[in-house]
């Protein structure tokens, strides 16, 4: 597992799943599973910007970019 993937996964588990990974897969949809709400997305964006020294524009805060660990990692690689 890449450092980036481990960091994102750890953040999601710690902050949104209260330390319980349960059945979280890298392709699990956060929206379908109710893991993230709109406030959670804002918290996730703030974490990603700080952790990876990037700027995420409002139009980039889409499920296509942020709805699973796989999608987040692909998005970060494009940034």
Protein backbone atom coordinates (compact mmCIF):
# COMPACT_ATOMS: atom_id res chain seq x y z
CA UNK A 1 0.00 0.00 0.00
CA UNK A 2 1.42 3.36 -0.97
CA UNK A 3 2.10 5.97 1.69
CA UNK A 4 -0.53 8.24 0.11
CA UNK A 5 -3.17 5.49 0.14
CA UNK A 6 -2.31 4.54 3.73
CA UNK A 7 -2.57 8.18 4.83
CA UNK A 8 -5.97 8.68 3.17
CA UNK A 9 -7.30 5.35 4.47
CA UNK A 10 -6.07 6.10 7.99
CA UNK A 11 -7.72 9.52 7.96
CA UNK A 12 -11.09 8.12 6.81
CA UNK A 13 -11.03 5.33 9.41
CA UNK A 14 -9.93 7.61 12.26
CA UNK A 15 -12.21 10.56 11.54
CA UNK A 16 -15.34 9.07 9.98
CA UNK A 17 -15.43 5.44 11.10
CA UNK A 18 -14.24 6.07 14.67
CA UNK A 19 -11.30 3.72 14.29
CA UNK A 20 -13.40 0.83 12.97
CA UNK A 21 -12.36 -0.19 9.44
CA UNK A 22 -15.17 -2.80 9.31
CA UNK A 23 -15.67 -3.70 5.65
CA UNK A 24 -14.05 -0.57 4.20
CA UNK A 25 -12.51 -1.42 0.84
CA UNK A 26 -10.52 1.01 -1.28
CA UNK A 27 -13.43 1.14 -3.76
CA UNK A 28 -16.20 1.53 -1.13
CA UNK A 29 -18.45 4.50 -1.99
CA UNK A 30 -18.47 6.94 0.92
CA UNK A 31 -21.84 8.33 -0.17
CA UNK A 32 -23.55 4.97 -0.65
CA UNK A 33 -22.33 3.76 2.76
CA UNK A 34 -23.17 7.07 4.48
CA UNK A 35 -19.54 7.56 5.55
CA UNK A 36 -19.30 11.19 4.40
CA UNK A 37 -21.88 13.96 4.42
CA UNK A 38 -21.39 17.48 3.08
CA UNK A 39 -19.52 18.58 6.21
CA UNK A 40 -17.36 15.48 5.99
CA UNK A 41 -16.42 16.33 2.42
CA UNK A 42 -15.23 19.77 3.57
CA UNK A 43 -13.17 18.17 6.35
CA UNK A 44 -11.72 15.67 3.87
CA UNK A 45 -10.77 18.45 1.43
CA UNK A 46 -9.06 20.41 4.22
CA UNK A 47 -7.11 17.29 5.23
CA UNK A 48 -6.06 16.52 1.65
CA UNK A 49 -4.93 20.10 1.04
CA UNK A 50 -2.82 20.14 4.19
CA UNK A 51 -1.47 16.58 4.02
CA UNK A 52 -0.49 16.72 0.35
CA UNK A 53 0.25 20.45 -0.07
CA UNK A 54 -2.32 20.95 -2.82
CA UNK A 55 -5.23 23.29 -3.49
CA UNK A 56 -8.59 21.72 -4.33
CA UNK A 57 -10.97 24.01 -6.19
CA UNK A 58 -14.70 23.98 -5.42
CA UNK A 59 -15.50 22.50 -8.83
CA UNK A 60 -13.19 19.57 -8.03
CA UNK A 61 -15.14 18.53 -4.92
CA UNK A 62 -17.16 15.95 -6.84
CA UNK A 63 -17.98 12.32 -6.08
CA UNK A 64 -15.91 11.43 -9.17
CA UNK A 65 -12.84 12.67 -7.26
CA UNK A 66 -13.67 12.05 -3.61
CA UNK A 67 -16.16 9.16 -3.22
CA UNK A 68 -13.71 6.36 -2.37
CA UNK A 69 -10.10 5.81 -1.40
CA UNK A 70 -9.35 4.68 -4.98
CA UNK A 71 -10.93 7.82 -6.47
CA UNK A 72 -9.13 10.11 -4.01
CA UNK A 73 -5.76 8.52 -4.78
CA UNK A 74 -6.33 8.81 -8.55
CA UNK A 75 -7.34 12.46 -8.06
CA UNK A 76 -4.24 13.19 -5.96
CA UNK A 77 -2.01 11.62 -8.59
CA UNK A 78 -3.54 13.91 -11.22
CA UNK A 79 -2.94 16.96 -9.01
